[in-house]
C-alpha atoms as a PDB file:
ATOM      1  CA  UNK A   1     145.497  71.605 207.885  1.00  0.00           C
ATOM      2  CA  UNK A   2     144.554  68.658 209.762  1.00  0.00           C
ATOM      3  CA  UNK A   3     144.971  65.230 208.215  1.00  0.00           C
ATOM      4  CA  UNK A   4     145.885  66.736 204.668  1.00  0.00           C
ATOM      5  CA  UNK A   5     149.618  66.256 203.469  1.00  0.00           C
ATOM      6  CA  UNK A   6     151.646  68.988 201.800  1.00  0.00           C
ATOM      7  CA  UNK A   7     151.885  66.404 198.693  1.00  0.00           C
ATOM      8  CA  UNK A   8     148.307  65.962 198.424  1.00  0.00           C
ATOM      9  CA  UNK A   9     147.729  69.397 198.420  1.00  0.00           C
ATOM     10  CA  UNK A  10     150.227  69.986 195.462  1.00  0.00           C
ATOM     11  CA  UNK A  11     148.670  66.894 193.561  1.00  0.00           C
ATOM     12  CA  UNK A  12     145.107  68.679 193.488  1.00  0.00           C
ATOM     13  CA  UNK A  13     146.512  71.999 192.685  1.00  0.00           C
ATOM     14  CA  UNK A  14     148.334  70.452 189.538  1.00  0.00           C
ATOM     15  CA  UNK A  15     145.462  68.660 188.598  1.00  0.00           C
ATOM     16  CA  UNK A  16     143.399  71.441 189.131  1.00  0.00           C
ATOM     17  CA  UNK A  17     145.797  73.701 186.566  1.00  0.00           C
ATOM     18  CA  UNK A  18     145.429  70.465 184.038  1.00  0.00           C
ATOM     19  CA  UNK A  19     141.506  71.005 184.202  1.00  0.00           C
ATOM     20  CA  UNK A  20     141.653  74.484 183.856  1.00  0.00           C
ATOM     21  CA  UNK A  21     144.273  74.790 180.938  1.00  0.00           C
ATOM     22  CA  UNK A  22     141.976  71.483 179.331  1.00  0.00           C
ATOM     23  CA  UNK A  23     138.698  73.381 179.522  1.00  0.00           C
ATOM     24  CA  UNK A  24     139.930  76.971 178.278  1.00  0.00           C
ATOM     25  CA  UNK A  25     141.275  75.178 175.170  1.00  0.00           C
ATOM     26  CA  UNK A  26     138.252  73.127 174.340  1.00  0.00           C
ATOM     27  CA  UNK A  27     135.918  76.425 175.030  1.00  0.00           C
ATOM     28  CA  UNK A  28     138.938  78.368 172.412  1.00  0.00           C
ATOM     29  CA  UNK A  29     138.722  75.578 169.922  1.00  0.00           C
ATOM     30  CA  UNK A  30     137.392  76.421 166.569  1.00  0.00           C
ATOM     31  CA  UNK A  31     135.315  74.592 163.913  1.00  0.00           C
ATOM     32  CA  UNK A  32     137.076  74.258 160.722  1.00  0.00           C
ATOM     33  CA  UNK A  33     134.808  74.737 158.003  1.00  0.00           C
ATOM     34  CA  UNK A  34     136.188  74.315 154.217  1.00  0.00           C
ATOM     35  CA  UNK A  35     134.695  76.217 151.514  1.00  0.00           C
ATOM     36  CA  UNK A  36     135.478  76.550 147.843  1.00  0.00           C
ATOM     37  CA  UNK A  37     136.119  80.060 147.473  1.00  0.00           C
ATOM     38  CA  UNK A  38     135.807  80.397 143.878  1.00  0.00           C
ATOM     39  CA  UNK A  39     132.143  79.497 143.695  1.00  0.00           C
ATOM     40  CA  UNK A  40     130.061  82.797 143.363  1.00  0.00           C
ATOM     41  CA  UNK A  41     127.815  83.476 144.378  1.00  0.00           C
ATOM     42  CA  UNK A  42     127.723  81.185 147.173  1.00  0.00           C
ATOM     43  CA  UNK A  43     131.283  81.458 148.057  1.00  0.00           C
ATOM     44  CA  UNK A  44     134.331  83.818 147.113  1.00  0.00           C
ATOM     45  CA  UNK A  45     136.424  86.646 148.251  1.00  0.00           C
ATOM     46  CA  UNK A  46     134.870  90.091 148.084  1.00  0.00           C
ATOM     47  CA  UNK A  47     136.687  93.635 146.928  1.00  0.00           C
ATOM     48  CA  UNK A  48     137.585  93.853 150.782  1.00  0.00           C
ATOM     49  CA  UNK A  49     139.456  90.631 151.001  1.00  0.00           C
ATOM     50  CA  UNK A  50     136.844  89.040 153.202  1.00  0.00           C
ATOM     51  CA  UNK A  51     135.234  85.462 152.068  1.00  0.00           C
ATOM     52  CA  UNK A  52     131.459  86.552 151.547  1.00  0.00           C
ATOM     53  CA  UNK A  53     128.420  84.618 149.100  1.00  0.00           C
ATOM     54  CA  UNK A  54     125.313  82.928 150.508  1.00  0.00           C
ATOM     55  CA  UNK A  55     126.719  79.750 151.765  1.00  0.00           C
ATOM     56  CA  UNK A  56     128.779  81.927 153.924  1.00  0.00           C
ATOM     57  CA  UNK A  57     126.125  83.863 155.199  1.00  0.00           C
ATOM     58  CA  UNK A  58     124.238  80.612 155.693  1.00  0.00           C
ATOM     59  CA  UNK A  59     126.581  79.421 157.757  1.00  0.00           C
ATOM     60  CA  UNK A  60     127.409  82.138 160.197  1.00  0.00           C
ATOM     61  CA  UNK A  61     123.804  82.296 160.645  1.00  0.00           C
ATOM     62  CA  UNK A  62     123.406  78.795 161.450  1.00  0.00           C
ATOM     63  CA  UNK A  63     126.707  79.246 163.929  1.00  0.00           C
ATOM     64  CA  UNK A  64     125.529  82.410 166.018  1.00  0.00           C
ATOM     65  CA  UNK A  65     122.451  79.862 166.641  1.00  0.00           C
ATOM     66  CA  UNK A  66     124.214  76.930 167.549  1.00  0.00           C
ATOM     67  CA  UNK A  67     126.737  78.990 169.504  1.00  0.00           C
ATOM     68  CA  UNK A  68     129.939  77.877 167.724  1.00  0.00           C
ATOM     69  CA  UNK A  69     133.329  79.621 167.012  1.00  0.00           C
ATOM     70  CA  UNK A  70     134.767  78.367 163.463  1.00  0.00           C
ATOM     71  CA  UNK A  71     137.271  79.411 160.695  1.00  0.00           C
ATOM     72  CA  UNK A  72     136.664  79.040 156.772  1.00  0.00           C
ATOM     73  CA  UNK A  73     139.276  77.101 155.393  1.00  0.00           C
ATOM     74  CA  UNK A  74     139.815  77.834 151.596  1.00  0.00           C
ATOM     75  CA  UNK A  75     140.629  74.785 148.989  1.00  0.00           C
ATOM     76  CA  UNK A  76     139.756  73.322 145.634  1.00  0.00           C
ATOM     77  CA  UNK A  77     136.514  71.445 145.622  1.00  0.00           C
ATOM     78  CA  UNK A  78     137.955  68.202 145.214  1.00  0.00           C
ATOM     79  CA  UNK A  79     139.790  68.448 148.472  1.00  0.00           C
ATOM     80  CA  UNK A  80     136.513  69.070 150.584  1.00  0.00           C
ATOM     81  CA  UNK A  81     135.454  65.797 151.108  1.00  0.00           C
ATOM     82  CA  UNK A  82     138.563  64.253 152.016  1.00  0.00           C
ATOM     83  CA  UNK A  83     139.176  66.935 154.287  1.00  0.00           C
ATOM     84  CA  UNK A  84     135.754  65.489 156.199  1.00  0.00           C
ATOM     85  CA  UNK A  85     136.747  62.273 155.791  1.00  0.00           C
ATOM     86  CA  UNK A  86     140.208  62.277 157.320  1.00  0.00           C
ATOM     87  CA  UNK A  87     139.558  64.391 160.314  1.00  0.00           C
ATOM     88  CA  UNK A  88     140.742  67.794 159.313  1.00  0.00           C
ATOM     89  CA  UNK A  89     137.876  69.623 158.323  1.00  0.00           C
ATOM     90  CA  UNK A  90     134.500  69.477 160.685  1.00  0.00           C
ATOM     91  CA  UNK A  91     131.769  71.173 157.965  1.00  0.00           C
ATOM     92  CA  UNK A  92     132.522  72.182 154.100  1.00  0.00           C
ATOM     93  CA  UNK A  93     129.877  74.054 152.451  1.00  0.00           C
ATOM     94  CA  UNK A  94     130.525  74.460 148.582  1.00  0.00           C
ATOM     95  CA  UNK A  95     127.191  73.957 147.088  1.00  0.00           C
ATOM     96  CA  UNK A  96     127.486  70.436 147.229  1.00  0.00           C
ATOM     97  CA  UNK A  97     125.114  68.127 145.705  1.00  0.00           C
ATOM     98  CA  UNK A  98     123.087  65.480 148.249  1.00  0.00           C
ATOM     99  CA  UNK A  99     124.357  62.227 146.315  1.00  0.00           C
ATOM    100  CA  UNK A 100     124.105  58.419 147.705  1.00  0.00           C
ATOM    101  CA  UNK A 101     127.705  57.890 146.265  1.00  0.00           C
ATOM    102  CA  UNK A 102     128.961  60.862 148.756  1.00  0.00           C
ATOM    103  CA  UNK A 103     126.484  59.702 151.693  1.00  0.00           C
ATOM    104  CA  UNK A 104     128.835  56.986 151.755  1.00  0.00           C
ATOM    105  CA  UNK A 105     131.577  58.481 153.202  1.00  0.00           C
ATOM    106  CA  UNK A 106     130.184  61.492 155.074  1.00  0.00           C
ATOM    107  CA  UNK A 107     126.717  62.953 156.151  1.00  0.00           C
ATOM    108  CA  UNK A 108     124.739  65.749 154.842  1.00  0.00           C
ATOM    109  CA  UNK A 109     122.655  68.231 156.491  1.00  0.00           C
ATOM    110  CA  UNK A 110     119.120  68.774 155.380  1.00  0.00           C
ATOM    111  CA  UNK A 111     118.614  70.145 152.135  1.00  0.00           C
ATOM    112  CA  UNK A 112     119.310  73.762 151.841  1.00  0.00           C
ATOM    113  CA  UNK A 113     119.191  75.072 148.076  1.00  0.00           C
ATOM    114  CA  UNK A 114     117.475  73.463 145.057  1.00  0.00           C
ATOM    115  CA  UNK A 115     119.148  73.864 141.868  1.00  0.00           C
ATOM    116  CA  UNK A 116     119.810  72.266 138.439  1.00  0.00           C
ATOM    117  CA  UNK A 117     122.605  72.298 135.651  1.00  0.00           C
ATOM    118  CA  UNK A 118     122.972  74.515 132.769  1.00  0.00           C
ATOM    119  CA  UNK A 119     124.718  74.914 129.390  1.00  0.00           C
ATOM    120  CA  UNK A 120     127.114  77.721 128.789  1.00  0.00           C
ATOM    121  CA  UNK A 121     127.822  79.072 125.248  1.00  0.00           C
ATOM    122  CA  UNK A 122     129.367  81.885 123.513  1.00  0.00           C
ATOM    123  CA  UNK A 123     126.760  84.753 122.579  1.00  0.00           C
ATOM    124  CA  UNK A 124     127.213  83.973 118.680  1.00  0.00           C
ATOM    125  CA  UNK A 125     126.691  80.248 118.795  1.00  0.00           C
ATOM    126  CA  UNK A 126     123.512  78.823 117.089  1.00  0.00           C
ATOM    127  CA  UNK A 127     124.094  75.513 116.910  1.00  0.00           C
ATOM    128  CA  UNK A 128     123.792  74.520 120.827  1.00  0.00           C
ATOM    129  CA  UNK A 129     120.833  74.849 122.406  1.00  0.00           C
ATOM    130  CA  UNK A 130     120.659  72.292 125.149  1.00  0.00           C
ATOM    131  CA  UNK A 131     122.083  69.214 126.754  1.00  0.00           C
ATOM    132  CA  UNK A 132     121.025  67.637 123.253  1.00  0.00           C
ATOM    133  CA  UNK A 133     123.386  69.255 121.221  1.00  0.00           C
ATOM    134  CA  UNK A 134     126.176  68.713 123.048  1.00  0.00           C
ATOM    135  CA  UNK A 135     126.833  65.374 121.287  1.00  0.00           C
ATOM    136  CA  UNK A 136     130.214  65.505 119.449  1.00  0.00           C
ATOM    137  CA  UNK A 137     131.190  68.663 121.449  1.00  0.00           C
ATOM    138  CA  UNK A 138     134.086  69.613 123.691  1.00  0.00           C
ATOM    139  CA  UNK A 139     132.686  70.654 126.925  1.00  0.00           C
ATOM    140  CA  UNK A 140     134.486  72.337 129.565  1.00  0.00           C
ATOM    141  CA  UNK A 141     133.468  71.269 133.247  1.00  0.00           C
ATOM    142  CA  UNK A 142     134.442  71.885 137.022  1.00  0.00           C
ATOM    143  CA  UNK A 143     136.431  68.970 138.278  1.00  0.00           C
ATOM    144  CA  UNK A 144     134.916  66.730 140.688  1.00  0.00           C
ATOM    145  CA  UNK A 145     131.389  68.137 140.308  1.00  0.00           C
ATOM    146  CA  UNK A 146     128.279  66.222 139.670  1.00  0.00           C
ATOM    147  CA  UNK A 147     128.110  67.798 136.044  1.00  0.00           C
ATOM    148  CA  UNK A 148     131.203  65.836 135.305  1.00  0.00           C
ATOM    149  CA  UNK A 149     129.120  62.346 135.571  1.00  0.00           C
ATOM    150  CA  UNK A 150     125.897  64.185 133.704  1.00  0.00           C
ATOM    151  CA  UNK A 151     128.317  64.917 130.406  1.00  0.00           C
ATOM    152  CA  UNK A 152     129.667  61.780 130.247  1.00  0.00           C
ATOM    153  CA  UNK A 153     126.257  60.508 129.011  1.00  0.00           C
ATOM    154  CA  UNK A 154     125.772  62.992 126.307  1.00  0.00           C
ATOM    155  CA  UNK A 155     127.957  61.458 124.021  1.00  0.00           C
ATOM    156  CA  UNK A 156     130.410  64.580 123.713  1.00  0.00           C
ATOM    157  CA  UNK A 157     133.552  64.601 121.688  1.00  0.00           C
ATOM    158  CA  UNK A 158     136.033  65.527 125.010  1.00  0.00           C
ATOM    159  CA  UNK A 159     135.318  66.788 128.180  1.00  0.00           C
ATOM    160  CA  UNK A 160     137.968  69.412 129.459  1.00  0.00           C
ATOM    161  CA  UNK A 161     137.959  69.704 133.254  1.00  0.00           C
ATOM    162  CA  UNK A 162     139.353  72.560 135.243  1.00  0.00           C
ATOM    163  CA  UNK A 163     139.760  72.915 139.179  1.00  0.00           C
ATOM    164  CA  UNK A 164     137.852  76.367 138.780  1.00  0.00           C
ATOM    165  CA  UNK A 165     134.731  76.815 137.036  1.00  0.00           C
ATOM    166  CA  UNK A 166     135.897  80.589 136.000  1.00  0.00           C
ATOM    167  CA  UNK A 167     138.607  78.833 134.328  1.00  0.00           C
ATOM    168  CA  UNK A 168     135.964  76.342 132.290  1.00  0.00           C
ATOM    169  CA  UNK A 169     134.116  79.541 131.222  1.00  0.00           C
ATOM    170  CA  UNK A 170     136.937  81.395 129.761  1.00  0.00           C
ATOM    171  CA  UNK A 171     137.841  78.102 127.958  1.00  0.00           C
ATOM    172  CA  UNK A 172     134.205  78.945 126.171  1.00  0.00           C
ATOM    173  CA  UNK A 173     134.855  82.544 125.808  1.00  0.00           C
ATOM    174  CA  UNK A 174     138.479  81.794 124.501  1.00  0.00           C
ATOM    175  CA  UNK A 175     137.002  79.309 121.902  1.00  0.00           C
ATOM    176  CA  UNK A 176     138.684  76.095 123.361  1.00  0.00           C
ATOM    177  CA  UNK A 177     135.595  74.627 124.610  1.00  0.00           C
ATOM    178  CA  UNK A 178     132.225  74.538 122.606  1.00  0.00           C
ATOM    179  CA  UNK A 179     130.263  74.920 125.722  1.00  0.00           C
ATOM    180  CA  UNK A 180     130.527  74.622 129.505  1.00  0.00           C
ATOM    181  CA  UNK A 181     128.166  73.029 131.930  1.00  0.00           C
ATOM    182  CA  UNK A 182     127.753  73.995 135.456  1.00  0.00           C
ATOM    183  CA  UNK A 183     125.156  74.794 138.777  1.00  0.00           C
ATOM    184  CA  UNK A 184     122.586  76.696 136.983  1.00  0.00           C
ATOM    185  CA  UNK A 185     122.957  79.737 139.639  1.00  0.00           C
ATOM    186  CA  UNK A 186     126.610  80.074 139.174  1.00  0.00           C
ATOM    187  CA  UNK A 187     126.191  80.261 135.094  1.00  0.00           C
ATOM    188  CA  UNK A 188     123.642  82.698 135.430  1.00  0.00           C
ATOM    189  CA  UNK A 189     125.484  85.009 137.871  1.00  0.00           C
ATOM    190  CA  UNK A 190     128.592  84.495 135.390  1.00  0.00           C
ATOM    191  CA  UNK A 191     126.465  85.816 132.228  1.00  0.00           C
ATOM    192  CA  UNK A 192     125.605  89.023 134.115  1.00  0.00           C
ATOM    193  CA  UNK A 193     128.890  90.124 135.226  1.00  0.00           C
ATOM    194  CA  UNK A 194     132.194  88.736 134.034  1.00  0.00           C
ATOM    195  CA  UNK A 195     130.519  87.277 131.070  1.00  0.00           C
ATOM    196  CA  UNK A 196     127.772  89.756 130.000  1.00  0.00           C
ATOM    197  CA  UNK A 197     127.407  89.941 126.015  1.00  0.00           C
ATOM    198  CA  UNK A 198     130.286  87.232 125.757  1.00  0.00           C
ATOM    199  CA  UNK A 199     128.310  84.275 127.006  1.00  0.00           C
ATOM    200  CA  UNK A 200     124.532  82.954 127.216  1.00  0.00           C
ATOM    201  CA  UNK A 201     122.880  80.152 128.742  1.00  0.00           C
ATOM    202  CA  UNK A 202     120.331  77.688 126.712  1.00  0.00           C
ATOM    203  CA  UNK A 203     118.188  75.097 127.427  1.00  0.00           C
ATOM    204  CA  UNK A 204     115.772  73.770 130.380  1.00  0.00           C
ATOM    205  CA  UNK A 205     117.774  73.077 134.047  1.00  0.00           C
ATOM    206  CA  UNK A 206     118.576  69.355 134.069  1.00  0.00           C
ATOM    207  CA  UNK A 207     119.472  67.000 136.914  1.00  0.00           C
ATOM    208  CA  UNK A 208     117.777  69.206 139.487  1.00  0.00           C
ATOM    209  CA  UNK A 209     118.869  68.194 143.053  1.00  0.00           C
ATOM    210  CA  UNK A 210     119.554  69.837 146.333  1.00  0.00           C
ATOM    211  CA  UNK A 211     122.653  71.010 147.801  1.00  0.00           C
ATOM    212  CA  UNK A 212     123.664  70.039 151.361  1.00  0.00           C
ATOM    213  CA  UNK A 213     126.288  71.004 154.490  1.00  0.00           C
ATOM    214  CA  UNK A 214     128.627  68.273 154.878  1.00  0.00           C
ATOM    215  CA  UNK A 215     130.280  66.944 157.995  1.00  0.00           C
ATOM    216  CA  UNK A 216     131.671  63.921 159.236  1.00  0.00           C
ATOM    217  CA  UNK A 217     129.846  60.689 159.598  1.00  0.00           C
ATOM    218  CA  UNK A 218     128.376  60.810 162.925  1.00  0.00           C
ATOM    219  CA  UNK A 219     128.690  64.122 163.831  1.00  0.00           C
ATOM    220  CA  UNK A 220     127.173  65.452 166.655  1.00  0.00           C
ATOM    221  CA  UNK A 221     126.508  68.834 164.446  1.00  0.00           C
ATOM    222  CA  UNK A 222     124.386  67.417 162.416  1.00  0.00           C
ATOM    223  CA  UNK A 223     121.095  67.564 164.135  1.00  0.00           C
ATOM    224  CA  UNK A 224     121.701  71.234 165.535  1.00  0.00           C
ATOM    225  CA  UNK A 225     122.932  72.440 161.835  1.00  0.00           C
ATOM    226  CA  UNK A 226     119.503  71.046 161.154  1.00  0.00           C
ATOM    227  CA  UNK A 227     117.373  72.680 164.117  1.00  0.00           C
ATOM    228  CA  UNK A 228     119.149  75.960 163.054  1.00  0.00           C
ATOM    229  CA  UNK A 229     118.484  75.656 158.896  1.00  0.00           C
ATOM    230  CA  UNK A 230     114.586  75.112 160.018  1.00  0.00           C
ATOM    231  CA  UNK A 231     114.830  78.057 162.731  1.00  0.00           C
ATOM    232  CA  UNK A 232     116.221  80.087 159.862  1.00  0.00           C
ATOM    233  CA  UNK A 233     113.502  78.849 156.889  1.00  0.00           C
ATOM    234  CA  UNK A 234     110.923  79.569 159.740  1.00  0.00           C
ATOM    235  CA  UNK A 235     111.810  83.274 161.067  1.00  0.00           C
ATOM    236  CA  UNK A 236     112.461  84.476 157.454  1.00  0.00           C
ATOM    237  CA  UNK A 237     116.370  84.696 158.000  1.00  0.00           C
ATOM    238  CA  UNK A 238     117.007  82.431 154.925  1.00  0.00           C
ATOM    239  CA  UNK A 239     114.564  83.874 152.489  1.00  0.00           C
ATOM    240  CA  UNK A 240     116.362  87.452 153.682  1.00  0.00           C
ATOM    241  CA  UNK A 241     119.490  85.784 152.165  1.00  0.00           C
ATOM    242  CA  UNK A 242     118.372  84.390 149.268  1.00  0.00           C
ATOM    243  CA  UNK A 243     116.878  87.403 147.970  1.00  0.00           C
ATOM    244  CA  UNK A 244     119.885  89.199 149.093  1.00  0.00           C
ATOM    245  CA  UNK A 245     122.207  86.566 146.699  1.00  0.00           C
ATOM    246  CA  UNK A 246     119.462  85.901 143.888  1.00  0.00           C
ATOM    247  CA  UNK A 247     117.099  89.083 143.783  1.00  0.00           C
ATOM    248  CA  UNK A 248     113.495  87.225 144.745  1.00  0.00           C
ATOM    249  CA  UNK A 249     112.286  84.836 147.425  1.00  0.00           C
ATOM    250  CA  UNK A 250     113.101  81.466 146.860  1.00  0.00           C
ATOM    251  CA  UNK A 251     109.833  79.082 145.672  1.00  0.00           C
END
């Protein structure tokens, strides 16, 4: 080619290869979505070994609408928010209550689920009929959750914390704790499944609040996620998922 040196041609080819390589990498990059996979029925490992649950299905619907690929990253609940703040995670879903303290560190989507806290006791227990009766009692809770702060206000004898809420429930079953307290949907699910005939729920829901999807502060994903959530609520996909996992349409 007249007026074009071989050196310039080679340089142009190298630049083109680098651009194509970077573009391919960017296109293949997946979002890292942190989940606490021991929180049924929101996220847990099914009998087939695959992760399932309301949150897992909800995110699959959102990801499809905003056209992103992702991988689920299972971990303890306590590691989710630090995972966002350090940049190791892009999104977290784990029935996380939207709290002002948390919003100082991360961003939340619009609320997507309303839930309160419920007390769980052994089936034969007659002394505890609600949160007010937990004074002077040993109460099992899940580490890092909003329940911990609430139980501290009740004048309990001791708070026993566990990384997995099923361990807290089992502590009640075996008599190591007088009661457990956790998010209502999970308490009721446990009573109907593994805890059937051994434990029961008592008292009304307290501290009703909303779950939100956690994102890094300033994340460009926030608006896209919010739009997808609204679309799912408007076209009925959200109601379909809710009925699938909780047996009735949301209020």
